[in-house]
Amino acid sequence: MGILDRFATIVKANINELLDHAEDPAKMIDQYLVDLTDSLTEVKKETACVMAEEKRAKRMVDENASEVARMEELAKKALTAGNEGDARAFLGKKQQLATAGAELVKAYEAAHANADKMRQMHDKLVSDIENLKSRRETIKAKVAVAKTQEKVAGFTSSADRAESAIAAFDRMEAKADRMLDTADAMAELNEEPVDEVASLEEKYASATDDAAVEDDLARLKAELGL
């Protein structure tokens, strides 16, 4: 593929389509710019060659025109010296140079057109690269924001899971409290009922025993004269 064909492919390349299929747009656009920069290097070399050809063609045109003018002057000098034959020879050479000169002018015009085209291509590629460099920073910024949003979404999901876990712990604690309350109630229900009458009987039985002891003590004191 020639340099012009490759350049046309570069210019027509759809970067948006490439980015659509890229896993990482930031890396993809970096690679795309590397490829364009490499192509620019080739375009510069080819442009320099075409411009050199333009200069060579122009130099040949100028040299031919100079020779035509020189033959004209020599013919004049020959006539002035009375040498018509020499003048005729110089004019014949002039005609040959003029004929060749017409072809040289055509070659120069073609070289000049090619050089203009290559310069335009070179300048457009330089402009495109600069434009893409600016867009690269914008794309990278968007990618960075997107990645940050993904991280935030991940942390939000983690926070939601933590809240769910806390809620589950709360439910388990409430269930444990209910189980403990139920156990306490069952224990209370399983206790033997208190017989109040029996308690009163024990109270008064104890009081009777105490009175009997006091009576017996008083009897002993009387017998002993105390």
Protein backbone atom coordinates (compact mmCIF):
# COMPACT_ATOMS: atom_id res chain seq x y z
CA MET A 1 0.00 0.00 0.00
CA GLY A 2 1.42 3.40 -0.99
CA ILE A 3 1.89 6.27 1.42
CA LEU A 4 -1.10 8.13 -0.03
CA ASP A 5 -3.37 5.11 0.34
CA ARG A 6 -2.21 4.57 3.91
CA PHE A 7 -2.75 8.23 4.69
CA ALA A 8 -6.27 8.10 3.30
CA THR A 9 -6.97 5.10 5.53
CA ILE A 10 -5.70 7.00 8.55
CA VAL A 11 -7.78 10.09 7.83
CA LYS A 12 -10.94 8.06 7.22
CA ALA A 13 -10.47 5.89 10.33
CA ASN A 14 -13.43 6.18 12.71
CA ILE A 15 -11.99 6.52 16.21
CA ASN A 16 -15.43 6.32 17.81
CA GLU A 17 -16.01 2.89 16.25
CA LEU A 18 -12.63 1.72 17.56
CA LEU A 19 -13.44 3.00 21.03
CA ASP A 20 -16.82 1.23 21.01
CA HIS A 21 -15.02 -2.12 20.78
CA ALA A 22 -12.27 -1.24 23.26
CA GLU A 23 -12.27 -2.65 26.78
CA ASP A 24 -10.30 0.36 28.02
CA PRO A 25 -10.95 3.50 25.90
CA ALA A 26 -8.09 5.39 27.59
CA LYS A 27 -5.54 2.75 26.54
CA MET A 28 -7.11 2.44 23.10
CA ILE A 29 -6.86 6.13 22.30
CA ASP A 30 -3.24 6.15 23.47
CA GLN A 31 -2.49 3.33 21.03
CA TYR A 32 -4.40 5.09 18.28
CA LEU A 33 -2.31 8.22 18.78
CA VAL A 34 0.88 6.16 18.73
CA ASP A 35 -0.19 4.70 15.38
CA LEU A 36 -1.03 8.14 14.02
CA THR A 37 2.30 9.54 15.21
CA ASP A 38 4.12 6.69 13.48
CA SER A 39 2.16 7.40 10.32
CA LEU A 40 3.01 11.10 10.62
CA THR A 41 6.70 10.17 10.62
CA GLU A 42 6.19 8.30 7.34
CA VAL A 43 4.16 11.15 5.86
CA LYS A 44 6.91 13.60 6.79
CA LYS A 45 9.54 11.49 5.06
CA GLU A 46 7.40 11.10 1.95
CA THR A 47 6.52 14.80 1.94
CA ALA A 48 10.21 15.69 2.17
CA CYS A 49 10.95 13.41 -0.81
CA VAL A 50 8.15 14.91 -2.90
CA MET A 51 9.26 18.45 -2.00
CA ALA A 52 12.83 17.55 -2.96
CA GLU A 53 11.56 16.28 -6.32
CA GLU A 54 9.65 19.55 -6.75
CA LYS A 55 12.82 21.54 -6.10
CA ARG A 56 14.85 19.37 -8.51
CA ALA A 57 12.21 19.83 -11.24
CA LYS A 58 12.14 23.58 -10.64
CA ARG A 59 15.93 23.74 -10.80
CA MET A 60 15.92 21.88 -14.15
CA VAL A 61 13.32 24.29 -15.52
CA ASP A 62 15.40 27.27 -14.42
CA GLU A 63 18.61 25.79 -15.79
CA ASN A 64 16.91 25.06 -19.12
CA ALA A 65 15.53 28.59 -19.30
CA SER A 66 19.00 29.93 -18.57
CA GLU A 67 20.48 27.82 -21.39
CA VAL A 68 17.76 29.01 -23.78
CA ALA A 69 18.64 32.59 -22.91
CA ARG A 70 22.36 31.84 -23.30
CA MET A 71 21.85 30.35 -26.78
CA GLU A 72 19.88 33.46 -27.70
CA GLU A 73 22.77 35.69 -26.62
CA LEU A 74 25.34 33.55 -28.44
CA ALA A 75 23.28 33.71 -31.64
CA LYS A 76 23.22 37.52 -31.33
CA LYS A 77 26.99 37.64 -30.86
CA ALA A 78 27.52 35.34 -33.85
CA LEU A 79 25.37 37.56 -36.06
CA THR A 80 27.12 40.64 -34.80
CA ALA A 81 30.42 39.02 -35.75
CA GLY A 82 29.04 38.19 -39.18
CA ASN A 83 28.88 34.43 -38.51
CA GLU A 84 25.36 33.62 -39.64
CA GLY A 85 26.08 29.87 -39.68
CA ASP A 86 27.13 29.95 -36.05
CA ALA A 87 24.06 31.98 -35.22
CA ARG A 88 21.88 29.41 -36.96
CA ALA A 89 23.53 26.58 -34.88
CA PHE A 90 22.95 28.45 -31.65
CA LEU A 91 19.32 29.07 -32.55
CA GLY A 92 18.86 25.37 -33.43
CA LYS A 93 20.21 24.44 -30.00
CA LYS A 94 17.87 27.02 -28.50
CA GLN A 95 14.88 25.37 -30.17
CA GLN A 96 15.93 21.94 -28.82
CA LEU A 97 16.26 23.37 -25.33
CA ALA A 98 12.90 25.14 -25.63
CA THR A 99 11.20 21.88 -26.65
CA ALA A 100 12.78 20.03 -23.74
CA GLY A 101 11.94 22.96 -21.52
CA ALA A 102 8.20 22.57 -22.23
CA GLU A 103 8.36 18.98 -20.99
CA LEU A 104 10.39 20.06 -17.95
CA VAL A 105 7.71 22.63 -17.09
CA LYS A 106 5.03 19.93 -17.24
CA ALA A 107 7.11 17.70 -14.96
CA TYR A 108 7.63 20.58 -12.52
CA GLU A 109 3.91 21.41 -12.46
CA ALA A 110 3.11 17.78 -11.63
CA ALA A 111 5.80 17.72 -8.93
CA HIS A 112 4.50 20.99 -7.52
CA ALA A 113 0.93 19.63 -7.39
CA ASN A 114 2.13 16.48 -5.63
CA ALA A 115 4.13 18.53 -3.15
CA ASP A 116 1.11 20.73 -2.39
CA LYS A 117 -1.05 17.65 -1.84
CA MET A 118 1.52 16.08 0.49
CA ARG A 119 1.91 19.33 2.44
CA GLN A 120 -1.87 19.53 2.88
CA MET A 121 -1.99 15.91 4.03
CA HIS A 122 0.89 16.49 6.42
CA ASP A 123 -0.70 19.61 7.89
CA LYS A 124 -4.09 17.91 8.27
CA LEU A 125 -2.56 14.92 10.03
CA VAL A 126 -0.69 17.21 12.41
CA SER A 127 -3.94 19.06 13.12
CA ASP A 128 -5.85 15.80 13.62
CA ILE A 129 -3.26 14.50 16.06
CA GLU A 130 -3.38 17.70 18.11
CA ASN A 131 -7.17 17.56 18.13
CA LEU A 132 -7.14 13.92 19.25
CA LYS A 133 -4.64 14.72 21.98
CA SER A 134 -7.13 17.23 23.39
CA ARG A 135 -9.94 14.71 23.08
CA ARG A 136 -7.75 12.07 24.73
CA GLU A 137 -7.62 14.05 27.96
CA THR A 138 -11.40 14.45 27.90
CA ILE A 139 -11.91 10.75 27.26
CA LYS A 140 -9.45 9.79 30.00
CA ALA A 141 -11.24 12.13 32.42
CA LYS A 142 -14.58 10.49 31.57
CA VAL A 143 -13.09 7.02 32.02
CA ALA A 144 -11.64 8.04 35.39
CA VAL A 145 -15.04 9.35 36.52
CA ALA A 146 -16.73 6.15 35.31
CA LYS A 147 -14.26 4.00 37.24
CA THR A 148 -14.78 6.12 40.36
CA GLN A 149 -18.53 5.72 40.00
CA GLU A 150 -18.06 1.95 39.77
CA LYS A 151 -16.01 2.01 42.99
CA VAL A 152 -18.61 4.16 44.73
CA ALA A 153 -21.33 1.77 43.59
CA GLY A 154 -19.29 -1.12 44.99
CA PHE A 155 -18.85 0.60 48.35
CA THR A 156 -22.53 1.47 48.41
CA SER A 157 -23.33 -2.19 47.86
CA SER A 158 -20.99 -3.11 50.72
CA ALA A 159 -22.67 -0.55 52.96
CA ASP A 160 -26.06 -1.97 52.05
CA ARG A 161 -24.82 -5.47 52.93
CA ALA A 162 -23.50 -4.15 56.26
CA GLU A 163 -26.87 -2.55 57.02
CA SER A 164 -28.59 -5.82 56.15
CA ALA A 165 -26.23 -7.69 58.48
CA ILE A 166 -26.90 -5.22 61.31
CA ALA A 167 -30.63 -5.58 60.78
CA ALA A 168 -30.25 -9.38 60.90
CA PHE A 169 -28.30 -9.10 64.17
CA ASP A 170 -31.04 -6.87 65.59
CA ARG A 171 -33.63 -9.48 64.66
CA MET A 172 -31.56 -12.25 66.25
CA GLU A 173 -31.08 -10.21 69.44
CA ALA A 174 -34.82 -9.50 69.65
CA LYS A 175 -35.50 -13.21 69.17
CA ALA A 176 -32.99 -14.07 71.91
CA ASP A 177 -34.70 -11.59 74.26
CA ARG A 178 -38.07 -13.20 73.54
CA MET A 179 -36.63 -16.63 74.19
CA LEU A 180 -35.16 -15.45 77.53
CA ASP A 181 -38.45 -13.86 78.58
CA THR A 182 -40.28 -17.03 77.68
CA ALA A 183 -37.83 -19.13 79.71
CA ASP A 184 -38.23 -16.83 82.73
CA ALA A 185 -42.00 -17.07 82.47
CA MET A 186 -41.87 -20.86 82.25
CA ALA A 187 -39.62 -21.01 85.32
CA GLU A 188 -42.02 -18.79 87.21
CA LEU A 189 -44.95 -20.95 86.22
CA ASN A 190 -43.13 -24.10 87.29
CA GLU A 191 -42.59 -22.85 90.91
CA GLU A 192 -44.70 -24.55 93.70
CA PRO A 193 -47.58 -22.36 94.91
CA VAL A 194 -47.19 -20.92 98.43
CA ASP A 195 -49.63 -22.38 101.10
CA GLU A 196 -50.46 -19.30 103.20
CA VAL A 197 -52.42 -21.29 105.81
CA ALA A 198 -49.51 -23.59 106.43
CA SER A 199 -47.26 -20.59 106.89
CA LEU A 200 -49.64 -19.13 109.48
CA GLU A 201 -49.79 -22.47 111.30
CA GLU A 202 -46.00 -22.55 111.50
CA LYS A 203 -46.00 -18.96 112.81
CA TYR A 204 -48.43 -19.67 115.63
CA ALA A 205 -46.94 -23.07 116.43
CA SER A 206 -43.59 -21.37 116.96
CA ALA A 207 -45.21 -18.77 119.25
CA THR A 208 -46.82 -21.56 121.39
CA ASP A 209 -43.50 -23.32 121.77
CA ASP A 210 -41.88 -20.07 122.90
CA ALA A 211 -44.60 -19.54 125.60
CA ALA A 212 -44.15 -23.05 126.92
CA VAL A 213 -40.40 -22.49 127.24
CA GLU A 214 -40.99 -19.29 129.19
CA ASP A 215 -43.43 -21.02 131.57
CA ASP A 216 -41.01 -23.88 132.16
CA LEU A 217 -38.19 -21.36 132.83
CA ALA A 218 -40.32 -19.50 135.38
CA ARG A 219 -41.09 -22.76 137.20
CA LEU A 220 -37.41 -23.62 137.56
CA LYS A 221 -36.61 -20.16 138.93
CA ALA A 222 -39.34 -20.54 141.57
CA GLU A 223 -38.09 -23.92 142.72
CA LEU A 224 -34.54 -22.56 143.05
CA GLY A 225 -35.67 -19.46 144.89
CA LEU A 226 -34.35 -17.21 142.21
